[in-house]
């Protein structure tokens, strides 16, 4: 979901859960929520992360750790005349289970504490520097890396984290199912995001069937219709008083374009948004 006037010009290549990102212009913000643990390296440009409490600036040559299911807004910008380019390594649960078996001899004592659940800017270590230096040739989209090589890079990235702090181990190798969280609290905080039903179920700690069943208990609407109504209600409030226009708010509340917003608004309120706020 892009919270701005227009979509950014971008290219993203996924090589076996290693993502190479190129952004050709700046934009106001991208709401990000990854299902899995990840590290994000800034090759050029700048990335700013906002968790609602603080902003974390990640510059050229710096790397961050992003926890699983962590809600954050990312701003990817040009810096010193260079566009944003980054490498995103995603550690899926399946990958971590496999690595847990391989690294059994490295298991930490059961009393090893976990790290805090927020975003962490990683120190510049030899291991991380070596890892990303070896990966930069693949910024050339004509040079496609082999999947098995990218698998090795994921392993190298995981080991680099474990060498930085042994408290990453109990966090990354915790395979307990996530606790259920309040559905309405999640929906009200994330109504502007483009989530599929499967993603909404996952982020609230439920199977798809359980999510649908639990949602019926709290609303007469389907999740999709609830989201449309919520977005329209928020947009209506934003435009009251005549200070905000359609073009200012439709993307903020989660609509893809003004035409879709106007159609939904008229269906909900019986009048077009332009007529409602003349």
Protein backbone atom coordinates (compact mmCIF):
# COMPACT_ATOMS: atom_id res chain seq x y z
CA UNK A 1 0.00 0.00 0.00
CA UNK A 2 1.47 3.35 -1.03
CA UNK A 3 0.50 6.37 1.08
CA UNK A 4 1.07 9.02 -1.54
CA UNK A 5 -0.10 10.57 -4.74
CA UNK A 6 1.41 8.07 -7.15
CA UNK A 7 3.10 4.71 -7.33
CA UNK A 8 6.90 4.77 -7.19
CA UNK A 9 8.89 3.67 -10.23
CA UNK A 10 10.51 0.46 -9.04
CA UNK A 11 11.94 -2.91 -9.98
CA UNK A 12 12.06 -5.85 -7.58
CA UNK A 13 13.68 -9.19 -8.38
CA UNK A 14 13.12 -12.24 -6.17
CA UNK A 15 15.89 -14.82 -6.26
CA UNK A 16 14.87 -17.64 -3.89
CA UNK A 17 13.75 -15.24 -1.10
CA UNK A 18 16.57 -12.79 -1.77
CA UNK A 19 15.02 -9.58 -3.10
CA UNK A 20 16.87 -6.91 -5.08
CA UNK A 21 15.01 -3.57 -5.10
CA UNK A 22 15.53 -0.53 -7.33
CA UNK A 23 13.51 2.66 -6.70
CA UNK A 24 13.77 5.38 -9.34
CA UNK A 25 11.92 8.13 -7.47
CA UNK A 26 10.98 9.03 -3.92
CA UNK A 27 7.57 8.45 -2.41
CA UNK A 28 5.81 9.28 0.84
CA UNK A 29 5.72 5.85 2.40
CA UNK A 30 5.19 2.13 2.00
CA UNK A 31 3.43 0.19 4.74
CA UNK A 32 5.46 -2.96 5.23
CA UNK A 33 4.61 -6.10 7.11
CA UNK A 34 6.70 -9.18 6.41
CA UNK A 35 5.46 -12.61 7.41
CA UNK A 36 9.03 -13.71 8.05
CA UNK A 37 12.21 -12.50 9.71
CA UNK A 38 14.47 -10.54 7.38
CA UNK A 39 17.52 -8.33 7.01
CA UNK A 40 17.59 -5.35 4.64
CA UNK A 41 20.85 -3.91 3.31
CA UNK A 42 20.97 -0.43 1.74
CA UNK A 43 23.35 -0.48 -1.22
CA UNK A 44 22.64 3.14 -2.21
CA UNK A 45 20.22 5.90 -1.32
CA UNK A 46 18.52 5.93 2.07
CA UNK A 47 15.76 4.12 3.90
CA UNK A 48 13.79 5.62 6.78
CA UNK A 49 11.68 3.36 8.98
CA UNK A 50 8.87 4.72 11.15
CA UNK A 51 7.26 2.48 13.78
CA UNK A 52 5.02 5.22 15.15
CA UNK A 53 7.37 5.98 18.03
CA UNK A 54 10.67 6.71 16.34
CA UNK A 55 12.35 6.98 12.96
CA UNK A 56 15.36 4.85 12.09
CA UNK A 57 17.60 6.16 9.30
CA UNK A 58 19.47 3.49 7.34
CA UNK A 59 22.12 4.86 5.02
CA UNK A 60 24.37 3.50 2.32
CA UNK A 61 26.26 0.43 3.50
CA UNK A 62 24.02 -0.11 6.56
CA UNK A 63 21.80 -3.07 7.36
CA UNK A 64 18.77 -3.66 9.60
CA UNK A 65 17.04 -6.68 11.10
CA UNK A 66 13.23 -6.76 10.76
CA UNK A 67 11.24 -9.11 13.04
CA UNK A 68 8.50 -11.38 11.77
CA UNK A 69 5.00 -9.86 11.55
CA UNK A 70 6.37 -6.42 12.39
CA UNK A 71 4.29 -3.47 11.16
CA UNK A 72 6.40 -0.55 9.97
CA UNK A 73 6.32 2.25 7.39
CA UNK A 74 9.29 2.42 5.03
CA UNK A 75 10.46 5.48 3.11
CA UNK A 76 13.00 4.67 0.38
CA UNK A 77 14.68 7.77 -0.97
CA UNK A 78 17.49 9.08 -3.11
CA UNK A 79 20.53 10.28 -1.19
CA UNK A 80 23.55 12.23 -2.44
CA UNK A 81 22.23 11.90 -5.98
CA UNK A 82 21.94 8.09 -5.81
CA UNK A 83 18.65 6.22 -6.17
CA UNK A 84 17.62 3.69 -3.55
CA UNK A 85 18.88 0.15 -4.14
CA UNK A 86 18.65 -2.54 -1.51
CA UNK A 87 18.97 -6.26 -0.81
CA UNK A 88 16.32 -7.96 1.33
CA UNK A 89 17.03 -11.44 2.72
CA UNK A 90 13.92 -13.23 3.98
CA UNK A 91 14.29 -16.11 6.41
CA UNK A 92 11.20 -18.28 6.06
CA UNK A 93 10.09 -20.63 8.81
CA UNK A 94 10.90 -23.60 6.58
CA UNK A 95 14.44 -22.31 5.99
CA UNK A 96 14.97 -21.68 9.71
CA UNK A 97 13.75 -25.16 10.60
CA UNK A 98 16.25 -26.66 8.16
CA UNK A 99 19.06 -24.52 9.53
CA UNK A 100 18.10 -25.35 13.10
CA UNK A 101 18.77 -29.01 12.32
CA UNK A 102 22.10 -28.22 10.69
CA UNK A 103 23.19 -25.94 13.51
CA UNK A 104 22.08 -28.23 16.32
CA UNK A 105 25.53 -28.13 17.86
CA UNK A 106 25.18 -24.33 18.14
CA UNK A 107 22.00 -24.44 20.22
CA UNK A 108 22.03 -21.83 22.93
CA UNK A 109 21.30 -22.57 26.58
CA UNK A 110 17.59 -22.55 27.34
CA UNK A 111 18.01 -19.48 29.52
CA UNK A 112 19.38 -17.34 26.65
CA UNK A 113 17.09 -14.28 26.52
CA UNK A 114 15.44 -13.10 23.32
CA UNK A 115 16.11 -9.73 21.77
CA UNK A 116 13.48 -7.02 21.82
CA UNK A 117 10.91 -7.47 19.06
CA UNK A 118 11.58 -4.18 17.26
CA UNK A 119 13.69 -3.27 14.24
CA UNK A 120 17.43 -3.42 14.98
CA UNK A 121 20.15 -1.56 13.10
CA UNK A 122 22.98 -4.06 12.80
CA UNK A 123 26.62 -3.18 13.45
CA UNK A 124 29.00 -3.14 10.50
CA UNK A 125 30.77 -6.48 10.77
CA UNK A 126 33.26 -8.24 8.50
CA UNK A 127 30.72 -11.04 7.96
CA UNK A 128 27.98 -8.70 6.74
CA UNK A 129 30.39 -6.65 4.62
CA UNK A 130 31.71 -9.81 2.95
CA UNK A 131 28.19 -11.15 2.36
CA UNK A 132 26.81 -8.09 0.62
CA UNK A 133 29.97 -7.34 -1.34
CA UNK A 134 29.64 -10.79 -2.88
CA UNK A 135 26.00 -10.11 -3.78
CA UNK A 136 26.29 -6.71 -5.46
CA UNK A 137 27.10 -8.08 -8.96
CA UNK A 138 23.51 -9.36 -9.10
CA UNK A 139 22.17 -5.81 -9.15
CA UNK A 140 22.69 -6.25 -12.88
CA UNK A 141 19.28 -7.68 -13.89
CA UNK A 142 20.92 -9.48 -16.80
CA UNK A 143 22.97 -11.59 -14.37
CA UNK A 144 20.58 -14.04 -12.72
CA UNK A 145 22.07 -15.98 -9.79
CA UNK A 146 21.44 -19.70 -9.29
CA UNK A 147 18.94 -20.67 -6.58
CA UNK A 148 21.46 -22.83 -4.73
CA UNK A 149 23.89 -19.90 -4.55
CA UNK A 150 21.17 -17.67 -3.10
CA UNK A 151 20.41 -20.39 -0.57
CA UNK A 152 24.03 -20.21 0.54
CA UNK A 153 23.74 -16.42 0.86
CA UNK A 154 20.72 -16.87 3.13
CA UNK A 155 22.72 -19.26 5.27
CA UNK A 156 25.60 -16.80 5.39
CA UNK A 157 23.24 -14.01 6.43
CA UNK A 158 21.78 -16.15 9.20
CA UNK A 159 25.22 -17.04 10.53
CA UNK A 160 26.23 -13.38 10.43
CA UNK A 161 23.26 -12.57 12.70
CA UNK A 162 24.14 -15.34 15.14
CA UNK A 163 27.73 -14.07 15.34
CA UNK A 164 26.51 -10.53 16.08
CA UNK A 165 24.40 -11.55 19.08
CA UNK A 166 23.54 -15.02 20.41
CA UNK A 167 20.14 -13.69 21.47
CA UNK A 168 19.03 -13.90 17.84
CA UNK A 169 18.98 -17.70 18.21
CA UNK A 170 15.99 -18.09 20.58
CA UNK A 171 14.08 -15.54 18.53
CA UNK A 172 14.74 -17.02 15.08
CA UNK A 173 14.44 -20.65 16.19
CA UNK A 174 11.15 -20.24 18.05
CA UNK A 175 8.69 -22.33 16.05
CA UNK A 176 5.69 -21.99 18.31
CA UNK A 177 2.51 -20.93 16.56
CA UNK A 178 1.78 -17.21 17.05
CA UNK A 179 -0.84 -16.21 19.59
CA UNK A 180 -4.17 -15.03 18.27
CA UNK A 181 -4.55 -11.26 18.40
CA UNK A 182 -7.73 -9.24 18.45
CA UNK A 183 -9.15 -9.13 14.91
CA UNK A 184 -10.84 -5.74 15.17
CA UNK A 185 -7.77 -4.15 16.71
CA UNK A 186 -5.70 -5.47 13.82
CA UNK A 187 -8.25 -4.36 11.19
CA UNK A 188 -8.58 -0.86 12.62
CA UNK A 189 -4.79 -0.43 12.66
CA UNK A 190 -4.27 -1.83 9.14
CA UNK A 191 -7.43 -0.98 7.18
CA UNK A 192 -5.40 0.95 4.58
CA UNK A 193 -3.18 -2.03 3.71
CA UNK A 194 -3.70 -4.33 0.74
CA UNK A 195 -3.94 -7.68 2.53
CA UNK A 196 -5.44 -10.86 1.15
CA UNK A 197 -7.72 -12.92 3.38
CA UNK A 198 -4.87 -15.39 3.85
CA UNK A 199 -2.56 -12.60 5.02
CA UNK A 200 -5.13 -11.19 7.45
CA UNK A 201 -5.58 -14.67 8.89
CA UNK A 202 -1.82 -15.16 9.23
CA UNK A 203 -1.18 -11.81 10.89
CA UNK A 204 -3.88 -12.43 13.48
CA UNK A 205 -2.49 -15.89 14.29
CA UNK A 206 -5.26 -17.92 12.66
CA UNK A 207 -5.89 -20.36 9.87
CA UNK A 208 -8.04 -18.98 7.05
CA UNK A 209 -11.04 -21.04 8.18
CA UNK A 210 -10.66 -19.89 11.80
CA UNK A 211 -10.29 -16.26 10.72
CA UNK A 212 -13.51 -16.39 8.70
CA UNK A 213 -15.37 -18.06 11.55
CA UNK A 214 -14.09 -15.58 14.16
CA UNK A 215 -14.85 -12.60 11.94
CA UNK A 216 -18.48 -13.68 11.54
CA UNK A 217 -18.82 -13.53 15.31
CA UNK A 218 -17.97 -9.81 15.40
CA UNK A 219 -19.38 -8.43 12.14
CA UNK A 220 -22.30 -8.98 9.78
CA UNK A 221 -20.03 -7.91 6.90
CA UNK A 222 -17.36 -9.89 5.12
CA UNK A 223 -13.79 -8.71 5.83
CA UNK A 224 -13.59 -7.19 2.33
CA UNK A 225 -16.82 -5.20 2.77
CA UNK A 226 -15.80 -4.17 6.28
CA UNK A 227 -12.54 -2.74 4.92
CA UNK A 228 -14.33 -0.74 2.21
CA UNK A 229 -16.77 0.71 4.73
CA UNK A 230 -13.96 1.56 7.15
CA UNK A 231 -11.93 3.27 4.43
CA UNK A 232 -14.93 5.30 3.31
CA UNK A 233 -15.75 6.38 6.87
CA UNK A 234 -12.18 7.56 7.45
CA UNK A 235 -12.12 9.34 4.08
CA UNK A 236 -15.42 11.05 4.89
CA UNK A 237 -14.00 12.43 8.14
CA UNK A 238 -10.81 13.56 6.41
CA UNK A 239 -12.75 15.49 3.75
CA UNK A 240 -15.20 17.15 6.11
CA UNK A 241 -14.72 20.88 6.32
CA UNK A 242 -13.50 21.14 2.75
CA UNK A 243 -9.79 21.10 3.60
CA UNK A 244 -9.00 17.79 1.90
CA UNK A 245 -9.77 16.72 -1.65
CA UNK A 246 -10.35 13.29 -3.18
CA UNK A 247 -6.86 13.21 -4.63
CA UNK A 248 -5.47 13.89 -1.16
CA UNK A 249 -7.18 11.05 0.66
CA UNK A 250 -8.17 8.11 -1.55
CA UNK A 251 -4.70 6.49 -1.47
CA UNK A 252 -4.22 7.29 2.22
CA UNK A 253 -7.21 5.14 3.17
CA UNK A 254 -6.38 2.22 0.87
CA UNK A 255 -8.10 2.78 -2.47
CA UNK A 256 -6.06 2.14 -5.61
CA UNK A 257 -7.49 4.98 -7.69
CA UNK A 258 -10.01 7.86 -7.44
CA UNK A 259 -12.50 6.13 -9.75
CA UNK A 260 -12.75 3.11 -7.45
CA UNK A 261 -13.06 5.44 -4.47
CA UNK A 262 -15.83 7.53 -6.07
CA UNK A 263 -17.84 4.46 -7.07
CA UNK A 264 -17.63 2.97 -3.58
CA UNK A 265 -18.43 6.33 -1.95
CA UNK A 266 -21.57 6.81 -4.06
CA UNK A 267 -22.72 3.27 -3.28
CA UNK A 268 -22.24 3.87 0.44
CA UNK A 269 -23.61 7.43 0.76
CA UNK A 270 -25.84 7.76 -2.31
CA UNK A 271 -23.92 10.76 -3.63
CA UNK A 272 -20.53 11.30 -5.23
CA UNK A 273 -17.73 12.64 -3.00
CA UNK A 274 -17.37 15.77 -5.15
CA UNK A 275 -21.07 16.54 -4.68
CA UNK A 276 -20.96 15.73 -0.97
CA UNK A 277 -18.23 18.25 -0.22
CA UNK A 278 -18.97 21.14 -2.56
